[in-house]
Amino acid sequence: MHGSAWLFAKKPVTQPLQSENQVQKTMWDTRYSVYVTPIQDVEITLHARRGGIVFFWIILALVALAVASSMFFQAG
């Protein structure tokens, strides 16, 4: 697996293929790749987390608040 945290790339990590492997992706991982070379049938399940979208809306609200407050203080 290979991840990238915004500006700094993470080193690739290799782990043996087992009956159940788990890969952790944090909200700071902007790009993430997992390569699997199986010798039998494989089922891949992705679990979506809502933490990333909540973080996006918080940042968007803070930017809107900053723009509104700068417009308020410029007018006065």
PDB file of N, CA and C in Angstrom:
ATOM      1  N   MET A   1       0.848  -1.170   0.000  1.00  0.00           N
ATOM      2  CA  MET A   1       0.000   0.000   0.000  1.00  0.00           C
ATOM      3  C   MET A   1       0.893   1.232   0.000  1.00  0.00           C
ATOM      4  N   HIS A   2       0.405   2.282  -0.563  1.00  0.00           N
ATOM      5  CA  HIS A   2       1.191   3.502  -0.707  1.00  0.00           C
ATOM      6  C   HIS A   2       0.275   4.685  -0.446  1.00  0.00           C
ATOM      7  N   GLY A   3       0.668   5.576   0.441  1.00  0.00           N
ATOM      8  CA  GLY A   3      -0.160   6.728   0.779  1.00  0.00           C
ATOM      9  C   GLY A   3       0.580   8.030   0.592  1.00  0.00           C
ATOM     10  N   SER A   4      -0.168   9.098   0.498  1.00  0.00           N
ATOM     11  CA  SER A   4       0.412  10.433   0.378  1.00  0.00           C
ATOM     12  C   SER A   4      -0.357  11.372   1.290  1.00  0.00           C
ATOM     13  N   ALA A   5       0.359  12.028   2.181  1.00  0.00           N
ATOM     14  CA  ALA A   5      -0.257  12.965   3.113  1.00  0.00           C
ATOM     15  C   ALA A   5       0.030  14.381   2.643  1.00  0.00           C
ATOM     16  N   TRP A   6      -0.832  14.947   1.859  1.00  0.00           N
ATOM     17  CA  TRP A   6      -0.755  16.270   1.257  1.00  0.00           C
ATOM     18  C   TRP A   6       0.560  16.473   0.548  1.00  0.00           C
ATOM     19  N   LEU A   7       1.567  16.998   1.193  1.00  0.00           N
ATOM     20  CA  LEU A   7       2.827  17.313   0.524  1.00  0.00           C
ATOM     21  C   LEU A   7       3.880  16.217   0.665  1.00  0.00           C
ATOM     22  N   PHE A   8       3.783  15.435   1.699  1.00  0.00           N
ATOM     23  CA  PHE A   8       4.830  14.473   1.997  1.00  0.00           C
ATOM     24  C   PHE A   8       4.355  13.049   1.722  1.00  0.00           C
ATOM     25  N   ALA A   9       5.064  12.356   0.857  1.00  0.00           N
ATOM     26  CA  ALA A   9       4.699  10.975   0.518  1.00  0.00           C
ATOM     27  C   ALA A   9       5.089  10.030   1.649  1.00  0.00           C
ATOM     28  N   LYS A  10       4.254   9.051   1.880  1.00  0.00           N
ATOM     29  CA  LYS A  10       4.569   8.016   2.853  1.00  0.00           C
ATOM     30  C   LYS A  10       5.315   6.901   2.135  1.00  0.00           C
ATOM     31  N   LYS A  11       6.149   6.198   2.861  1.00  0.00           N
ATOM     32  CA  LYS A  11       6.878   5.075   2.272  1.00  0.00           C
ATOM     33  C   LYS A  11       5.900   3.926   2.024  1.00  0.00           C
ATOM     34  N   PRO A  12       6.073   3.195   0.924  1.00  0.00           N
ATOM     35  CA  PRO A  12       5.219   2.030   0.673  1.00  0.00           C
ATOM     36  C   PRO A  12       5.391   0.976   1.770  1.00  0.00           C
ATOM     37  N   VAL A  13       4.302   0.331   2.116  1.00  0.00           N
ATOM     38  CA  VAL A  13       4.305  -0.718   3.131  1.00  0.00           C
ATOM     39  C   VAL A  13       3.820  -2.001   2.487  1.00  0.00           C
ATOM     40  N   THR A  14       4.529  -3.084   2.716  1.00  0.00           N
ATOM     41  CA  THR A  14       4.138  -4.388   2.189  1.00  0.00           C
ATOM     42  C   THR A  14       3.735  -5.273   3.351  1.00  0.00           C
ATOM     43  N   GLN A  15       2.598  -5.936   3.208  1.00  0.00           N
ATOM     44  CA  GLN A  15       2.169  -6.874   4.231  1.00  0.00           C
ATOM     45  C   GLN A  15       1.688  -8.140   3.543  1.00  0.00           C
ATOM     46  N   PRO A  16       1.827  -9.279   4.187  1.00  0.00           N
ATOM     47  CA  PRO A  16       1.420 -10.540   3.559  1.00  0.00           C
ATOM     48  C   PRO A  16      -0.100 -10.604   3.404  1.00  0.00           C
ATOM     49  N   LEU A  17      -0.536 -11.214   2.315  1.00  0.00           N
ATOM     50  CA  LEU A  17      -1.965 -11.381   2.066  1.00  0.00           C
ATOM     51  C   LEU A  17      -2.496 -12.493   2.957  1.00  0.00           C
ATOM     52  N   GLN A  18      -3.466 -12.146   3.805  1.00  0.00           N
ATOM     53  CA  GLN A  18      -4.058 -13.096   4.737  1.00  0.00           C
ATOM     54  C   GLN A  18      -5.546 -13.225   4.435  1.00  0.00           C
ATOM     55  N   SER A  19      -6.238 -14.023   5.228  1.00  0.00           N
ATOM     56  CA  SER A  19      -7.675 -14.194   4.996  1.00  0.00           C
ATOM     57  C   SER A  19      -8.423 -12.883   5.218  1.00  0.00           C
ATOM     58  N   GLU A  20      -7.887 -11.997   6.078  1.00  0.00           N
ATOM     59  CA  GLU A  20      -8.490 -10.676   6.285  1.00  0.00           C
ATOM     60  C   GLU A  20      -7.389  -9.665   6.572  1.00  0.00           C
ATOM     61  N   ASN A  21      -7.214  -8.715   5.653  1.00  0.00           N
ATOM     62  CA  ASN A  21      -6.248  -7.635   5.833  1.00  0.00           C
ATOM     63  C   ASN A  21      -7.017  -6.329   5.997  1.00  0.00           C
ATOM     64  N   GLN A  22      -6.504  -5.447   6.833  1.00  0.00           N
ATOM     65  CA  GLN A  22      -7.112  -4.133   7.000  1.00  0.00           C
ATOM     66  C   GLN A  22      -6.060  -3.067   6.739  1.00  0.00           C
ATOM     67  N   VAL A  23      -6.491  -1.996   6.086  1.00  0.00           N
ATOM     68  CA  VAL A  23      -5.619  -0.878   5.780  1.00  0.00           C
ATOM     69  C   VAL A  23      -6.267   0.375   6.359  1.00  0.00           C
ATOM     70  N   GLN A  24      -5.504   1.131   7.135  1.00  0.00           N
ATOM     71  CA  GLN A  24      -6.027   2.344   7.751  1.00  0.00           C
ATOM     72  C   GLN A  24      -5.682   3.559   6.905  1.00  0.00           C
ATOM     73  N   LYS A  25      -6.669   4.365   6.595  1.00  0.00           N
ATOM     74  CA  LYS A  25      -6.472   5.613   5.853  1.00  0.00           C
ATOM     75  C   LYS A  25      -7.026   6.725   6.723  1.00  0.00           C
ATOM     76  N   THR A  26      -6.178   7.693   7.041  1.00  0.00           N
ATOM     77  CA  THR A  26      -6.623   8.801   7.876  1.00  0.00           C
ATOM     78  C   THR A  26      -7.119   9.944   7.000  1.00  0.00           C
ATOM     79  N   MET A  27      -7.692  10.962   7.623  1.00  0.00           N
ATOM     80  CA  MET A  27      -8.213  12.081   6.838  1.00  0.00           C
ATOM     81  C   MET A  27      -7.098  12.896   6.214  1.00  0.00           C
ATOM     82  N   TRP A  28      -5.855  12.741   6.663  1.00  0.00           N
ATOM     83  CA  TRP A  28      -4.738  13.480   6.088  1.00  0.00           C
ATOM     84  C   TRP A  28      -4.196  12.801   4.845  1.00  0.00           C
ATOM     85  N   ASP A  29      -4.588  11.562   4.599  1.00  0.00           N
ATOM     86  CA  ASP A  29      -4.131  10.852   3.402  1.00  0.00           C
ATOM     87  C   ASP A  29      -4.956  11.316   2.215  1.00  0.00           C
ATOM     88  N   THR A  30      -4.339  12.103   1.339  1.00  0.00           N
ATOM     89  CA  THR A  30      -5.065  12.651   0.200  1.00  0.00           C
ATOM     90  C   THR A  30      -5.149  11.658  -0.946  1.00  0.00           C
ATOM     91  N   ARG A  31      -4.104  10.893  -1.159  1.00  0.00           N
ATOM     92  CA  ARG A  31      -4.115   9.847  -2.183  1.00  0.00           C
ATOM     93  C   ARG A  31      -3.657   8.558  -1.519  1.00  0.00           C
ATOM     94  N   TYR A  32      -4.294   7.463  -1.888  1.00  0.00           N
ATOM     95  CA  TYR A  32      -3.972   6.192  -1.255  1.00  0.00           C
ATOM     96  C   TYR A  32      -4.171   5.094  -2.271  1.00  0.00           C
ATOM     97  N   SER A  33      -3.203   4.205  -2.406  1.00  0.00           N
ATOM     98  CA  SER A  33      -3.298   3.093  -3.351  1.00  0.00           C
ATOM     99  C   SER A  33      -3.015   1.792  -2.620  1.00  0.00           C
ATOM    100  N   VAL A  34      -3.763   0.765  -2.979  1.00  0.00           N
ATOM    101  CA  VAL A  34      -3.534  -0.570  -2.451  1.00  0.00           C
ATOM    102  C   VAL A  34      -3.452  -1.510  -3.633  1.00  0.00           C
ATOM    103  N   TYR A  35      -2.361  -2.241  -3.727  1.00  0.00           N
ATOM    104  CA  TYR A  35      -2.160  -3.201  -4.804  1.00  0.00           C
ATOM    105  C   TYR A  35      -2.190  -4.600  -4.210  1.00  0.00           C
ATOM    106  N   VAL A  36      -3.007  -5.469  -4.801  1.00  0.00           N
ATOM    107  CA  VAL A  36      -3.162  -6.836  -4.304  1.00  0.00           C
ATOM    108  C   VAL A  36      -2.807  -7.796  -5.426  1.00  0.00           C
ATOM    109  N   THR A  37      -1.949  -8.776  -5.116  1.00  0.00           N
ATOM    110  CA  THR A  37      -1.594  -9.820  -6.072  1.00  0.00           C
ATOM    111  C   THR A  37      -2.018 -11.154  -5.459  1.00  0.00           C
ATOM    112  N   PRO A  38      -3.278 -11.540  -5.673  1.00  0.00           N
ATOM    113  CA  PRO A  38      -3.773 -12.761  -5.034  1.00  0.00           C
ATOM    114  C   PRO A  38      -3.502 -14.007  -5.890  1.00  0.00           C
ATOM    115  N   ILE A  39      -3.549 -15.160  -5.243  1.00  0.00           N
ATOM    116  CA  ILE A  39      -3.462 -16.424  -5.956  1.00  0.00           C
ATOM    117  C   ILE A  39      -4.803 -17.165  -5.889  1.00  0.00           C
ATOM    118  N   GLN A  40      -5.816 -16.506  -5.352  1.00  0.00           N
ATOM    119  CA  GLN A  40      -7.179 -17.040  -5.295  1.00  0.00           C
ATOM    120  C   GLN A  40      -8.156 -15.874  -5.343  1.00  0.00           C
ATOM    121  N   ASP A  41      -9.457 -16.140  -5.352  1.00  0.00           N
ATOM    122  CA  ASP A  41     -10.458 -15.075  -5.407  1.00  0.00           C
ATOM    123  C   ASP A  41     -10.348 -14.167  -4.185  1.00  0.00           C
ATOM    124  N   VAL A  42     -10.540 -12.865  -4.424  1.00  0.00           N
ATOM    125  CA  VAL A  42     -10.413 -11.865  -3.368  1.00  0.00           C
ATOM    126  C   VAL A  42     -11.635 -10.960  -3.379  1.00  0.00           C
ATOM    127  N   GLU A  43     -12.143 -10.621  -2.199  1.00  0.00           N
ATOM    128  CA  GLU A  43     -13.245  -9.671  -2.069  1.00  0.00           C
ATOM    129  C   GLU A  43     -12.705  -8.446  -1.344  1.00  0.00           C
ATOM    130  N   ILE A  44     -12.900  -7.264  -1.940  1.00  0.00           N
ATOM    131  CA  ILE A  44     -12.422  -6.017  -1.355  1.00  0.00           C
ATOM    132  C   ILE A  44     -13.623  -5.196  -0.918  1.00  0.00           C
ATOM    133  N   THR A  45     -13.625  -4.769   0.342  1.00  0.00           N
ATOM    134  CA  THR A  45     -14.706  -3.973   0.899  1.00  0.00           C
ATOM    135  C   THR A  45     -14.149  -2.637   1.353  1.00  0.00           C
ATOM    136  N   LEU A  46     -14.782  -1.546   0.908  1.00  0.00           N
ATOM    137  CA  LEU A  46     -14.374  -0.205   1.309  1.00  0.00           C
ATOM    138  C   LEU A  46     -15.427   0.370   2.242  1.00  0.00           C
ATOM    139  N   HIS A  47     -14.982   0.902   3.357  1.00  0.00           N
ATOM    140  CA  HIS A  47     -15.879   1.533   4.317  1.00  0.00           C
ATOM    141  C   HIS A  47     -15.657   3.035   4.256  1.00  0.00           C
ATOM    142  N   ALA A  48     -16.687   3.781   3.914  1.00  0.00           N
ATOM    143  CA  ALA A  48     -16.577   5.236   3.821  1.00  0.00           C
ATOM    144  C   ALA A  48     -16.733   5.840   5.211  1.00  0.00           C
ATOM    145  N   ARG A  49     -15.957   6.870   5.459  1.00  0.00           N
ATOM    146  CA  ARG A  49     -16.073   7.598   6.719  1.00  0.00           C
ATOM    147  C   ARG A  49     -16.587   8.989   6.430  1.00  0.00           C
ATOM    148  N   ARG A  50     -17.409   9.514   7.320  1.00  0.00           N
ATOM    149  CA  ARG A  50     -17.970  10.840   7.130  1.00  0.00           C
ATOM    150  C   ARG A  50     -17.090  11.922   7.744  1.00  0.00           C
ATOM    151  N   GLY A  51     -16.003  11.541   8.394  1.00  0.00           N
ATOM    152  CA  GLY A  51     -15.130  12.516   9.039  1.00  0.00           C
ATOM    153  C   GLY A  51     -14.548  13.513   8.056  1.00  0.00           C
ATOM    154  N   GLY A  52     -14.229  13.073   6.840  1.00  0.00           N
ATOM    155  CA  GLY A  52     -13.649  13.957   5.848  1.00  0.00           C
ATOM    156  C   GLY A  52     -14.615  15.036   5.412  1.00  0.00           C
ATOM    157  N   ILE A  53     -15.888  14.710   5.235  1.00  0.00           N
ATOM    158  CA  ILE A  53     -16.874  15.688   4.782  1.00  0.00           C
ATOM    159  C   ILE A  53     -17.191  16.682   5.898  1.00  0.00           C
ATOM    160  N   VAL A  54     -17.172  16.237   7.144  1.00  0.00           N
ATOM    161  CA  VAL A  54     -17.398  17.150   8.266  1.00  0.00           C
ATOM    162  C   VAL A  54     -16.255  18.153   8.347  1.00  0.00           C
ATOM    163  N   PHE A  55     -15.024  17.678   8.185  1.00  0.00           N
ATOM    164  CA  PHE A  55     -13.855  18.551   8.182  1.00  0.00           C
ATOM    165  C   PHE A  55     -13.970  19.578   7.055  1.00  0.00           C
ATOM    166  N   PHE A  56     -14.422  19.168   5.881  1.00  0.00           N
ATOM    167  CA  PHE A  56     -14.598  20.069   4.735  1.00  0.00           C
ATOM    168  C   PHE A  56     -15.589  21.182   5.069  1.00  0.00           C
ATOM    169  N   TRP A  57     -16.737  20.832   5.664  1.00  0.00           N
ATOM    170  CA  TRP A  57     -17.762  21.834   5.980  1.00  0.00           C
ATOM    171  C   TRP A  57     -17.294  22.793   7.080  1.00  0.00           C
ATOM    172  N   ILE A  58     -16.503  22.300   8.017  1.00  0.00           N
ATOM    173  CA  ILE A  58     -15.969  23.187   9.062  1.00  0.00           C
ATOM    174  C   ILE A  58     -15.019  24.209   8.446  1.00  0.00           C
ATOM    175  N   ILE A  59     -14.129  23.762   7.575  1.00  0.00           N
ATOM    176  CA  ILE A  59     -13.198  24.678   6.904  1.00  0.00           C
ATOM    177  C   ILE A  59     -13.963  25.679   6.054  1.00  0.00           C
ATOM    178  N   LEU A  60     -14.975  25.220   5.318  1.00  0.00           N
ATOM    179  CA  LEU A  60     -15.774  26.110   4.475  1.00  0.00           C
ATOM    180  C   LEU A  60     -16.489  27.169   5.327  1.00  0.00           C
ATOM    181  N   ALA A  61     -17.035  26.781   6.463  1.00  0.00           N
ATOM    182  CA  ALA A  61     -17.710  27.731   7.357  1.00  0.00           C
ATOM    183  C   ALA A  61     -16.722  28.749   7.928  1.00  0.00           C
ATOM    184  N   LEU A  62     -15.522  28.304   8.275  1.00  0.00           N
ATOM    185  CA  LEU A  62     -14.516  29.233   8.795  1.00  0.00           C
ATOM    186  C   LEU A  62     -14.071  30.237   7.734  1.00  0.00           C
ATOM    187  N   VAL A  63     -13.932  29.789   6.498  1.00  0.00           N
ATOM    188  CA  VAL A  63     -13.566  30.700   5.408  1.00  0.00           C
ATOM    189  C   VAL A  63     -14.680  31.715   5.176  1.00  0.00           C
ATOM    190  N   ALA A  64     -15.933  31.263   5.169  1.00  0.00           N
ATOM    191  CA  ALA A  64     -17.070  32.177   4.978  1.00  0.00           C
ATOM    192  C   ALA A  64     -17.133  33.190   6.118  1.00  0.00           C
ATOM    193  N   LEU A  65     -16.875  32.758   7.341  1.00  0.00           N
ATOM    194  CA  LEU A  65     -16.874  33.662   8.488  1.00  0.00           C
ATOM    195  C   LEU A  65     -15.749  34.687   8.369  1.00  0.00           C
ATOM    196  N   ALA A  66     -14.588  34.265   7.921  1.00  0.00           N
ATOM    197  CA  ALA A  66     -13.468  35.185   7.754  1.00  0.00           C
ATOM    198  C   ALA A  66     -13.758  36.232   6.683  1.00  0.00           C
ATOM    199  N   VAL A  67     -14.361  35.803   5.571  1.00  0.00           N
ATOM    200  CA  VAL A  67     -14.712  36.738   4.488  1.00  0.00           C
ATOM    201  C   VAL A  67     -15.767  37.724   4.982  1.00  0.00           C
ATOM    202  N   ALA A  68     -16.792  37.236   5.670  1.00  0.00           N
ATOM    203  CA  ALA A  68     -17.856  38.113   6.167  1.00  0.00           C
ATOM    204  C   ALA A  68     -17.319  39.120   7.183  1.00  0.00           C
ATOM    205  N   SER A  69     -16.444  38.675   8.078  1.00  0.00           N
ATOM    206  CA  SER A  69     -15.917  39.600   9.083  1.00  0.00           C
ATOM    207  C   SER A  69     -14.980  40.618   8.456  1.00  0.00           C
ATOM    208  N   SER A  70     -14.210  40.238   7.442  1.00  0.00           N
ATOM    209  CA  SER A  70     -13.335  41.225   6.798  1.00  0.00           C
ATOM    210  C   SER A  70     -14.161  42.253   6.037  1.00  0.00           C
ATOM    211  N   MET A  71     -15.269  41.837   5.433  1.00  0.00           N
ATOM    212  CA  MET A  71     -16.149  42.788   4.730  1.00  0.00           C
ATOM    213  C   MET A  71     -16.810  43.737   5.740  1.00  0.00           C
ATOM    214  N   PHE A  72     -17.169  43.214   6.910  1.00  0.00           N
ATOM    215  CA  PHE A  72     -17.798  44.023   7.947  1.00  0.00           C
ATOM    216  C   PHE A  72     -16.842  45.111   8.453  1.00  0.00           C
ATOM    217  N   PHE A  73     -15.590  44.718   8.711  1.00  0.00           N
ATOM    218  CA  PHE A  73     -14.624  45.654   9.252  1.00  0.00           C
ATOM    219  C   PHE A  73     -14.123  46.652   8.202  1.00  0.00           C
ATOM    220  N   GLN A  74     -14.164  46.282   6.918  1.00  0.00           N
ATOM    221  CA  GLN A  74     -13.797  47.212   5.856  1.00  0.00           C
ATOM    222  C   GLN A  74     -14.858  48.310   5.700  1.00  0.00           C
ATOM    223  N   ALA A  75     -16.104  47.938   5.864  1.00  0.00           N
ATOM    224  CA  ALA A  75     -17.216  48.899   5.686  1.00  0.00           C
ATOM    225  C   ALA A  75     -17.221  49.920   6.832  1.00  0.00           C
ATOM    226  N   GLY A  76     -16.794  49.542   7.980  1.00  0.00           N
ATOM    227  CA  GLY A  76     -16.886  50.409   9.152  1.00  0.00           C
ATOM    228  C   GLY A  76     -15.681  51.187   9.396  1.00  0.00           C
TER     229      GLY A  76
END
